Amino acid sequence: GSTSNVPSRIYTNSGGSDSFVRYQTLANFRTNVADLTKFCSPPTRVFNYSGTRNENGQYSFTFPSTIGGVSLSGAKAVIVNLAVRSGGAAYFVAWKYGETLPGISLLNLVANVFGNVQATIPVDSSRRIRYMYGADPGNYTIFDAIGVVF
């Protein structure tokens, strides 16, 4: 119902060790997020891949230990600009390594057109994620890191 583009409330699960979503003040939210654009501009290209799916259709990726001078030690999630191109109609999904495949995609794609989205992807203690394409081979994916959630 607001006419402003400025968020009035932010809810995250970065305030505790459990999975509950909690309200955070803007000041508290800022202390829990490292804005990598302060350290590197343009955003840091951490992933640039073209390939085919493996037998179960899932890939894994480990983010570097530092991005733009910010250590990912203790990171709960990485905020990325994500670009995906698929050889056919498809979906793209990414999730925390070690957890089950979520029932919602980050992007729904049409053939040979880049889909773009900004996403916050949870990482495990080793900075890993899983991702999957719901399409035929011919995928191309780019992650540009723009922030880290602690």
N, C-alpha and C. Protein backbone atom coordinates (compact mmCIF):
# COMPACT_ATOMS: atom_id res chain seq x y z
N GLY A 1 0.79 -1.19 0.00
CA GLY A 1 0.00 0.00 0.00
C GLY A 1 0.83 1.26 0.00
N SER A 2 2.15 1.14 0.02
CA SER A 2 3.01 2.31 0.07
C SER A 2 3.28 2.83 -1.34
N THR A 3 3.45 4.12 -1.48
CA THR A 3 3.77 4.71 -2.78
C THR A 3 5.26 4.99 -2.91
N SER A 4 6.04 4.69 -1.89
CA SER A 4 7.47 4.91 -1.89
C SER A 4 8.20 3.64 -2.30
N ASN A 5 9.37 3.80 -2.92
CA ASN A 5 10.20 2.66 -3.26
C ASN A 5 11.14 2.28 -2.13
N VAL A 6 11.11 3.01 -1.03
CA VAL A 6 11.97 2.74 0.11
C VAL A 6 11.29 1.72 1.00
N PRO A 7 11.98 0.60 1.33
CA PRO A 7 11.34 -0.39 2.20
C PRO A 7 11.09 0.17 3.58
N SER A 8 9.94 -0.15 4.15
CA SER A 8 9.64 0.32 5.50
C SER A 8 9.90 -0.76 6.53
N ARG A 9 9.88 -2.01 6.13
CA ARG A 9 10.19 -3.13 7.03
C ARG A 9 11.01 -4.17 6.29
N ILE A 10 11.99 -4.73 6.98
CA ILE A 10 12.83 -5.78 6.41
C ILE A 10 12.74 -6.98 7.33
N TYR A 11 12.44 -8.13 6.75
CA TYR A 11 12.38 -9.38 7.51
C TYR A 11 13.42 -10.33 6.95
N THR A 12 14.25 -10.89 7.82
CA THR A 12 15.28 -11.84 7.39
C THR A 12 15.40 -12.93 8.44
N ASN A 13 16.10 -13.98 8.09
CA ASN A 13 16.42 -15.00 9.08
C ASN A 13 17.89 -14.93 9.47
N SER A 14 18.56 -13.81 9.17
CA SER A 14 19.97 -13.67 9.52
C SER A 14 20.18 -13.21 10.96
N GLY A 15 19.11 -12.99 11.69
CA GLY A 15 19.26 -12.50 13.05
C GLY A 15 19.46 -13.59 14.09
N GLY A 16 19.35 -14.85 13.70
CA GLY A 16 19.49 -15.93 14.66
C GLY A 16 19.99 -17.19 14.00
N SER A 17 20.24 -18.20 14.80
CA SER A 17 20.78 -19.45 14.25
C SER A 17 19.69 -20.40 13.80
N ASP A 18 18.43 -20.06 14.05
CA ASP A 18 17.33 -20.92 13.62
C ASP A 18 16.79 -20.45 12.27
N SER A 19 15.70 -21.03 11.82
CA SER A 19 15.14 -20.70 10.52
C SER A 19 14.00 -19.70 10.58
N PHE A 20 13.79 -19.05 11.73
CA PHE A 20 12.68 -18.12 11.85
C PHE A 20 13.00 -16.78 11.19
N VAL A 21 12.02 -16.18 10.56
CA VAL A 21 12.16 -14.88 9.94
C VAL A 21 11.82 -13.82 10.99
N ARG A 22 12.69 -12.82 11.12
CA ARG A 22 12.51 -11.79 12.13
C ARG A 22 12.60 -10.40 11.49
N TYR A 23 11.90 -9.45 12.12
CA TYR A 23 11.99 -8.05 11.70
C TYR A 23 13.36 -7.50 12.07
N GLN A 24 13.97 -6.74 11.16
CA GLN A 24 15.23 -6.08 11.46
C GLN A 24 15.10 -4.60 11.17
N THR A 25 15.66 -3.79 12.05
CA THR A 25 15.73 -2.35 11.77
C THR A 25 16.73 -2.15 10.63
N LEU A 26 16.66 -1.01 9.96
CA LEU A 26 17.61 -0.74 8.88
C LEU A 26 19.04 -0.74 9.39
N ALA A 27 19.27 -0.19 10.59
CA ALA A 27 20.63 -0.16 11.15
C ALA A 27 21.15 -1.58 11.39
N ASN A 28 20.31 -2.45 11.96
CA ASN A 28 20.71 -3.82 12.21
C ASN A 28 20.93 -4.57 10.90
N PHE A 29 20.08 -4.33 9.92
CA PHE A 29 20.23 -4.97 8.63
C PHE A 29 21.57 -4.59 7.99
N ARG A 30 21.93 -3.30 8.09
CA ARG A 30 23.20 -2.84 7.51
C ARG A 30 24.40 -3.52 8.17
N THR A 31 24.33 -3.80 9.47
CA THR A 31 25.46 -4.46 10.12
C THR A 31 25.56 -5.93 9.73
N ASN A 32 24.47 -6.52 9.24
CA ASN A 32 24.48 -7.93 8.85
C ASN A 32 24.78 -8.15 7.38
N VAL A 33 24.88 -7.07 6.60
CA VAL A 33 25.10 -7.19 5.15
C VAL A 33 26.34 -6.39 4.77
N ALA A 34 27.25 -7.03 4.05
CA ALA A 34 28.42 -6.33 3.51
C ALA A 34 28.11 -5.98 2.06
N ASP A 35 28.05 -4.71 1.76
CA ASP A 35 27.78 -4.23 0.41
C ASP A 35 29.10 -4.24 -0.36
N LEU A 36 29.27 -5.21 -1.25
CA LEU A 36 30.54 -5.35 -1.95
C LEU A 36 30.82 -4.20 -2.90
N THR A 37 29.79 -3.43 -3.27
CA THR A 37 30.04 -2.32 -4.18
C THR A 37 30.89 -1.23 -3.53
N LYS A 38 31.00 -1.27 -2.18
CA LYS A 38 31.89 -0.34 -1.49
C LYS A 38 33.35 -0.71 -1.76
N PHE A 39 33.60 -1.98 -2.05
CA PHE A 39 34.95 -2.48 -2.19
C PHE A 39 35.35 -2.72 -3.64
N CYS A 40 34.37 -2.99 -4.49
CA CYS A 40 34.68 -3.30 -5.87
C CYS A 40 33.53 -2.84 -6.77
N SER A 41 33.87 -2.11 -7.78
CA SER A 41 32.86 -1.66 -8.72
C SER A 41 33.46 -1.79 -10.10
N PRO A 42 32.85 -2.50 -11.01
CA PRO A 42 31.54 -3.14 -10.93
C PRO A 42 31.56 -4.35 -10.01
N PRO A 43 30.40 -5.01 -9.78
CA PRO A 43 30.36 -6.19 -8.93
C PRO A 43 31.36 -7.26 -9.38
N THR A 44 31.77 -8.09 -8.46
CA THR A 44 32.79 -9.10 -8.72
C THR A 44 32.21 -10.30 -9.45
N ARG A 45 32.78 -10.62 -10.59
CA ARG A 45 32.36 -11.81 -11.33
C ARG A 45 32.95 -13.03 -10.62
N VAL A 46 32.10 -13.84 -9.99
CA VAL A 46 32.59 -14.99 -9.25
C VAL A 46 32.32 -16.29 -9.99
N PHE A 47 31.48 -16.24 -11.02
CA PHE A 47 31.11 -17.48 -11.67
C PHE A 47 30.72 -17.17 -13.10
N ASN A 48 31.31 -17.89 -14.04
CA ASN A 48 31.01 -17.71 -15.45
C ASN A 48 31.15 -19.09 -16.09
N TYR A 49 30.04 -19.74 -16.39
CA TYR A 49 30.10 -21.14 -16.75
C TYR A 49 29.18 -21.47 -17.91
N SER A 50 29.64 -22.33 -18.76
CA SER A 50 28.82 -22.89 -19.83
C SER A 50 29.06 -24.39 -19.83
N GLY A 51 28.02 -25.17 -19.80
CA GLY A 51 28.23 -26.61 -19.78
C GLY A 51 26.92 -27.37 -19.85
N THR A 52 26.99 -28.66 -19.59
CA THR A 52 25.81 -29.52 -19.62
C THR A 52 25.54 -30.08 -18.23
N ARG A 53 24.33 -30.57 -18.03
CA ARG A 53 23.95 -31.13 -16.74
C ARG A 53 24.62 -32.47 -16.50
N ASN A 54 24.82 -32.79 -15.22
CA ASN A 54 25.31 -34.11 -14.87
C ASN A 54 24.12 -35.08 -14.77
N GLU A 55 24.36 -36.29 -14.30
CA GLU A 55 23.31 -37.32 -14.33
C GLU A 55 22.09 -37.01 -13.46
N ASN A 56 22.26 -36.26 -12.36
CA ASN A 56 21.10 -35.92 -11.55
C ASN A 56 20.59 -34.50 -11.80
N GLY A 57 21.22 -33.81 -12.75
CA GLY A 57 20.75 -32.48 -13.11
C GLY A 57 21.16 -31.37 -12.16
N GLN A 58 21.99 -31.68 -11.17
CA GLN A 58 22.39 -30.69 -10.17
C GLN A 58 23.89 -30.43 -10.25
N TYR A 59 24.25 -29.18 -10.06
CA TYR A 59 25.64 -28.77 -9.97
C TYR A 59 25.89 -28.24 -8.56
N SER A 60 27.16 -28.12 -8.18
CA SER A 60 27.50 -27.43 -6.95
C SER A 60 28.55 -26.38 -7.28
N PHE A 61 28.59 -25.34 -6.48
CA PHE A 61 29.55 -24.26 -6.67
C PHE A 61 29.97 -23.75 -5.30
N THR A 62 31.26 -23.46 -5.16
CA THR A 62 31.80 -22.88 -3.93
C THR A 62 32.25 -21.47 -4.21
N PHE A 63 31.69 -20.51 -3.47
CA PHE A 63 32.12 -19.13 -3.61
C PHE A 63 33.54 -18.99 -3.06
N PRO A 64 34.32 -18.04 -3.58
CA PRO A 64 35.68 -17.84 -3.06
C PRO A 64 35.66 -17.43 -1.59
N SER A 65 36.81 -17.57 -0.91
CA SER A 65 36.87 -17.24 0.52
C SER A 65 36.76 -15.75 0.77
N THR A 66 37.12 -14.93 -0.21
CA THR A 66 36.91 -13.49 -0.12
C THR A 66 36.33 -12.99 -1.44
N ILE A 67 35.48 -11.99 -1.35
CA ILE A 67 34.94 -11.33 -2.54
C ILE A 67 35.08 -9.83 -2.34
N GLY A 68 35.77 -9.19 -3.24
CA GLY A 68 35.94 -7.74 -3.14
C GLY A 68 36.59 -7.30 -1.85
N GLY A 69 37.46 -8.12 -1.28
CA GLY A 69 38.13 -7.78 -0.03
C GLY A 69 37.34 -8.12 1.22
N VAL A 70 36.14 -8.70 1.06
CA VAL A 70 35.31 -9.09 2.20
C VAL A 70 35.43 -10.59 2.40
N SER A 71 35.81 -11.02 3.60
CA SER A 71 35.90 -12.44 3.92
C SER A 71 34.51 -13.03 4.03
N LEU A 72 34.33 -14.20 3.44
CA LEU A 72 33.04 -14.89 3.53
C LEU A 72 32.98 -15.84 4.72
N SER A 73 33.98 -15.77 5.61
CA SER A 73 33.96 -16.59 6.81
C SER A 73 32.72 -16.23 7.64
N GLY A 74 31.88 -17.20 7.90
CA GLY A 74 30.66 -16.97 8.66
C GLY A 74 29.49 -16.45 7.84
N ALA A 75 29.65 -16.38 6.52
CA ALA A 75 28.57 -15.88 5.67
C ALA A 75 27.38 -16.82 5.70
N LYS A 76 26.18 -16.25 5.71
CA LYS A 76 24.95 -17.05 5.64
C LYS A 76 24.38 -17.08 4.24
N ALA A 77 24.69 -16.05 3.43
CA ALA A 77 24.18 -15.98 2.06
C ALA A 77 25.03 -15.02 1.25
N VAL A 78 24.98 -15.18 -0.07
CA VAL A 78 25.64 -14.26 -0.99
C VAL A 78 24.56 -13.64 -1.87
N ILE A 79 24.62 -12.33 -2.01
CA ILE A 79 23.68 -11.61 -2.86
C ILE A 79 24.33 -11.47 -4.23
N VAL A 80 23.65 -11.92 -5.26
CA VAL A 80 24.22 -11.92 -6.60
C VAL A 80 23.27 -11.31 -7.62
N ASN A 81 23.86 -10.72 -8.66
CA ASN A 81 23.14 -10.47 -9.89
C ASN A 81 23.35 -11.73 -10.71
N LEU A 82 22.30 -12.35 -11.13
CA LEU A 82 22.35 -13.64 -11.80
C LEU A 82 21.85 -13.48 -13.22
N ALA A 83 22.61 -13.99 -14.17
CA ALA A 83 22.18 -13.99 -15.57
C ALA A 83 22.28 -15.43 -16.09
N VAL A 84 21.23 -15.90 -16.71
CA VAL A 84 21.20 -17.27 -17.23
C VAL A 84 20.64 -17.25 -18.65
N ARG A 85 21.29 -17.98 -19.55
CA ARG A 85 20.76 -18.20 -20.88
C ARG A 85 20.60 -19.70 -21.07
N SER A 86 19.52 -20.11 -21.64
CA SER A 86 19.26 -21.52 -21.85
C SER A 86 19.02 -21.79 -23.32
N GLY A 87 19.35 -23.01 -23.74
CA GLY A 87 19.12 -23.42 -25.11
C GLY A 87 17.66 -23.69 -25.42
N GLY A 88 16.84 -23.78 -24.40
CA GLY A 88 15.41 -24.04 -24.59
C GLY A 88 14.60 -23.44 -23.46
N ALA A 89 13.30 -23.57 -23.53
CA ALA A 89 12.45 -23.11 -22.43
C ALA A 89 12.88 -23.84 -21.17
N ALA A 90 13.05 -23.11 -20.07
CA ALA A 90 13.66 -23.72 -18.88
C ALA A 90 13.34 -22.93 -17.63
N TYR A 91 13.79 -23.48 -16.51
CA TYR A 91 13.82 -22.76 -15.25
C TYR A 91 15.20 -22.92 -14.66
N PHE A 92 15.57 -22.02 -13.74
CA PHE A 92 16.83 -22.10 -13.03
C PHE A 92 16.54 -21.95 -11.56
N VAL A 93 17.16 -22.81 -10.75
CA VAL A 93 16.96 -22.77 -9.31
C VAL A 93 18.32 -22.92 -8.63
N ALA A 94 18.52 -22.20 -7.51
CA ALA A 94 19.75 -22.31 -6.71
C ALA A 94 19.34 -22.36 -5.25
N TRP A 95 20.07 -23.14 -4.45
CA TRP A 95 19.72 -23.30 -3.04
C TRP A 95 20.95 -23.68 -2.23
N LYS A 96 20.81 -23.66 -0.92
CA LYS A 96 21.89 -23.97 0.01
C LYS A 96 22.32 -25.42 -0.14
N TYR A 97 23.62 -25.62 -0.24
CA TYR A 97 24.18 -26.96 -0.35
C TYR A 97 23.79 -27.79 0.87
N GLY A 98 23.36 -29.01 0.65
CA GLY A 98 22.98 -29.90 1.74
C GLY A 98 21.50 -29.87 2.07
N GLU A 99 20.76 -28.93 1.49
CA GLU A 99 19.32 -28.89 1.70
C GLU A 99 18.60 -29.44 0.47
N THR A 100 17.31 -29.67 0.61
CA THR A 100 16.55 -30.24 -0.49
C THR A 100 16.20 -29.19 -1.53
N LEU A 101 15.98 -29.64 -2.74
CA LEU A 101 15.61 -28.78 -3.86
C LEU A 101 14.34 -28.02 -3.52
N PRO A 102 14.38 -26.68 -3.58
CA PRO A 102 13.17 -25.91 -3.27
C PRO A 102 12.13 -26.06 -4.38
N GLY A 103 10.90 -25.76 -4.06
CA GLY A 103 9.81 -25.90 -5.02
C GLY A 103 9.56 -24.65 -5.83
N ILE A 104 10.52 -23.73 -5.88
CA ILE A 104 10.33 -22.48 -6.62
C ILE A 104 11.62 -22.14 -7.36
N SER A 105 11.47 -21.62 -8.57
CA SER A 105 12.65 -21.27 -9.37
C SER A 105 13.01 -19.80 -9.18
N LEU A 106 14.27 -19.48 -9.47
CA LEU A 106 14.72 -18.09 -9.47
C LEU A 106 14.41 -17.42 -10.79
N LEU A 107 14.48 -18.19 -11.87
CA LEU A 107 14.23 -17.66 -13.21
C LEU A 107 13.46 -18.67 -14.04
N ASN A 108 12.54 -18.18 -14.85
CA ASN A 108 11.89 -18.97 -15.88
C ASN A 108 12.35 -18.38 -17.21
N LEU A 109 12.81 -19.23 -18.10
CA LEU A 109 13.53 -18.78 -19.28
C LEU A 109 12.86 -19.20 -20.58
N VAL A 110 13.12 -18.41 -21.62
CA VAL A 110 12.78 -18.79 -22.98
C VAL A 110 14.08 -19.05 -23.72
N ALA A 111 14.02 -19.77 -24.81
CA ALA A 111 15.22 -20.20 -25.52
C ALA A 111 16.08 -19.02 -25.97
N ASN A 112 17.38 -19.12 -25.69
CA ASN A 112 18.41 -18.22 -26.19
C ASN A 112 18.22 -16.75 -25.81
N VAL A 113 17.54 -16.50 -24.71
CA VAL A 113 17.38 -15.15 -24.18
C VAL A 113 17.91 -15.14 -22.76
N PHE A 114 18.76 -14.15 -22.41
CA PHE A 114 19.27 -14.07 -21.04
C PHE A 114 18.15 -13.66 -20.10
N GLY A 115 17.98 -14.41 -19.01
CA GLY A 115 17.12 -14.00 -17.91
C GLY A 115 18.00 -13.43 -16.82
N ASN A 116 17.58 -12.36 -16.18
CA ASN A 116 18.38 -11.71 -15.15
C ASN A 116 17.55 -11.53 -13.89
N VAL A 117 18.18 -11.72 -12.75
CA VAL A 117 17.51 -11.51 -11.48
C VAL A 117 18.57 -11.24 -10.41
N GLN A 118 18.21 -10.45 -9.41
CA GLN A 118 19.05 -10.30 -8.24
C GLN A 118 18.52 -11.26 -7.20
N ALA A 119 19.41 -12.09 -6.63
CA ALA A 119 18.98 -13.13 -5.70
C ALA A 119 19.89 -13.19 -4.50
N THR A 120 19.33 -13.59 -3.36
CA THR A 120 20.10 -13.88 -2.16
C THR A 120 20.09 -15.39 -2.01
N ILE A 121 21.25 -16.00 -2.16
CA ILE A 121 21.35 -17.46 -2.15
C ILE A 121 22.05 -17.89 -0.87
N PRO A 122 21.37 -18.65 -0.01
CA PRO A 122 22.01 -19.15 1.22
C PRO A 122 23.19 -20.06 0.89
N VAL A 123 24.24 -19.98 1.70
CA VAL A 123 25.42 -20.83 1.54
C VAL A 123 25.63 -21.64 2.80
N ASP A 124 26.29 -22.79 2.67
CA ASP A 124 26.63 -23.58 3.86
C ASP A 124 27.92 -23.03 4.46
N SER A 125 28.42 -23.68 5.49
CA SER A 125 29.61 -23.17 6.19
C SER A 125 30.87 -23.20 5.31
N SER A 126 30.82 -23.94 4.20
CA SER A 126 31.94 -23.98 3.26
C SER A 126 31.71 -23.09 2.05
N ARG A 127 30.68 -22.21 2.11
CA ARG A 127 30.36 -21.24 1.06
C ARG A 127 29.81 -21.91 -0.20
N ARG A 128 29.18 -23.06 -0.08
CA ARG A 128 28.70 -23.82 -1.24
C ARG A 128 27.20 -23.64 -1.46
N ILE A 129 26.84 -23.74 -2.74
CA ILE A 129 25.43 -23.78 -3.14
C ILE A 129 25.24 -24.93 -4.11
N ARG A 130 24.00 -25.28 -4.35
CA ARG A 130 23.62 -26.19 -5.43
C ARG A 130 22.78 -25.38 -6.40
N TYR A 131 22.84 -25.76 -7.67
CA TYR A 131 21.97 -25.13 -8.65
C TYR A 131 21.60 -26.15 -9.71
N MET A 132 20.53 -25.84 -10.43
CA MET A 132 20.00 -26.79 -11.40
C MET A 132 19.25 -26.04 -12.49
N TYR A 133 19.34 -26.58 -13.69
CA TYR A 133 18.57 -26.07 -14.82
C TYR A 133 17.47 -27.08 -15.13
N GLY A 134 16.31 -26.63 -15.46
CA GLY A 134 15.26 -27.51 -15.93
C GLY A 134 15.15 -27.38 -17.43
N ALA A 135 16.20 -27.79 -18.14
CA ALA A 135 16.22 -27.62 -19.60
C ALA A 135 17.22 -28.57 -20.23
N ASP A 136 17.24 -28.54 -21.53
CA ASP A 136 18.24 -29.29 -22.29
C ASP A 136 19.59 -28.60 -22.16
N PRO A 137 20.68 -29.29 -22.53
CA PRO A 137 22.01 -28.66 -22.49
C PRO A 137 22.03 -27.38 -23.33
N GLY A 138 23.02 -26.56 -23.08
CA GLY A 138 23.14 -25.29 -23.77
C GLY A 138 22.93 -24.14 -22.83
N ASN A 139 23.19 -24.36 -21.53
CA ASN A 139 23.00 -23.33 -20.52
C ASN A 139 24.25 -22.50 -20.33
N TYR A 140 24.07 -21.25 -19.95
CA TYR A 140 25.17 -20.35 -19.67
C TYR A 140 24.76 -19.50 -18.48
N THR A 141 25.61 -19.45 -17.45
CA THR A 141 25.24 -18.80 -16.20
C THR A 141 26.35 -17.87 -15.72
N ILE A 142 25.96 -16.71 -15.18
CA ILE A 142 26.90 -15.74 -14.62
C ILE A 142 26.40 -15.32 -13.25
N PHE A 143 27.26 -15.38 -12.24
CA PHE A 143 26.98 -14.82 -10.92
C PHE A 143 27.91 -13.62 -10.73
N ASP A 144 27.38 -12.43 -10.51
CA ASP A 144 28.15 -11.26 -10.11
C ASP A 144 27.79 -10.95 -8.67
N ALA A 145 28.74 -11.16 -7.75
CA ALA A 145 28.48 -10.95 -6.33
C ALA A 145 28.37 -9.46 -6.03
N ILE A 146 27.33 -9.08 -5.29
CA ILE A 146 27.16 -7.68 -4.91
C ILE A 146 27.02 -7.50 -3.40
N GLY A 147 26.93 -8.57 -2.65
CA GLY A 147 26.82 -8.45 -1.20
C GLY A 147 26.90 -9.78 -0.52
N VAL A 148 27.12 -9.74 0.79
CA VAL A 148 27.19 -10.94 1.62
C VAL A 148 26.33 -10.71 2.86
N VAL A 149 25.55 -11.70 3.24
CA VAL A 149 24.74 -11.63 4.45
C VAL A 149 25.42 -12.45 5.54
N PHE A 150 25.66 -11.84 6.70
CA PHE A 150 26.30 -12.53 7.81
C PHE A 150 25.32 -12.86 8.91
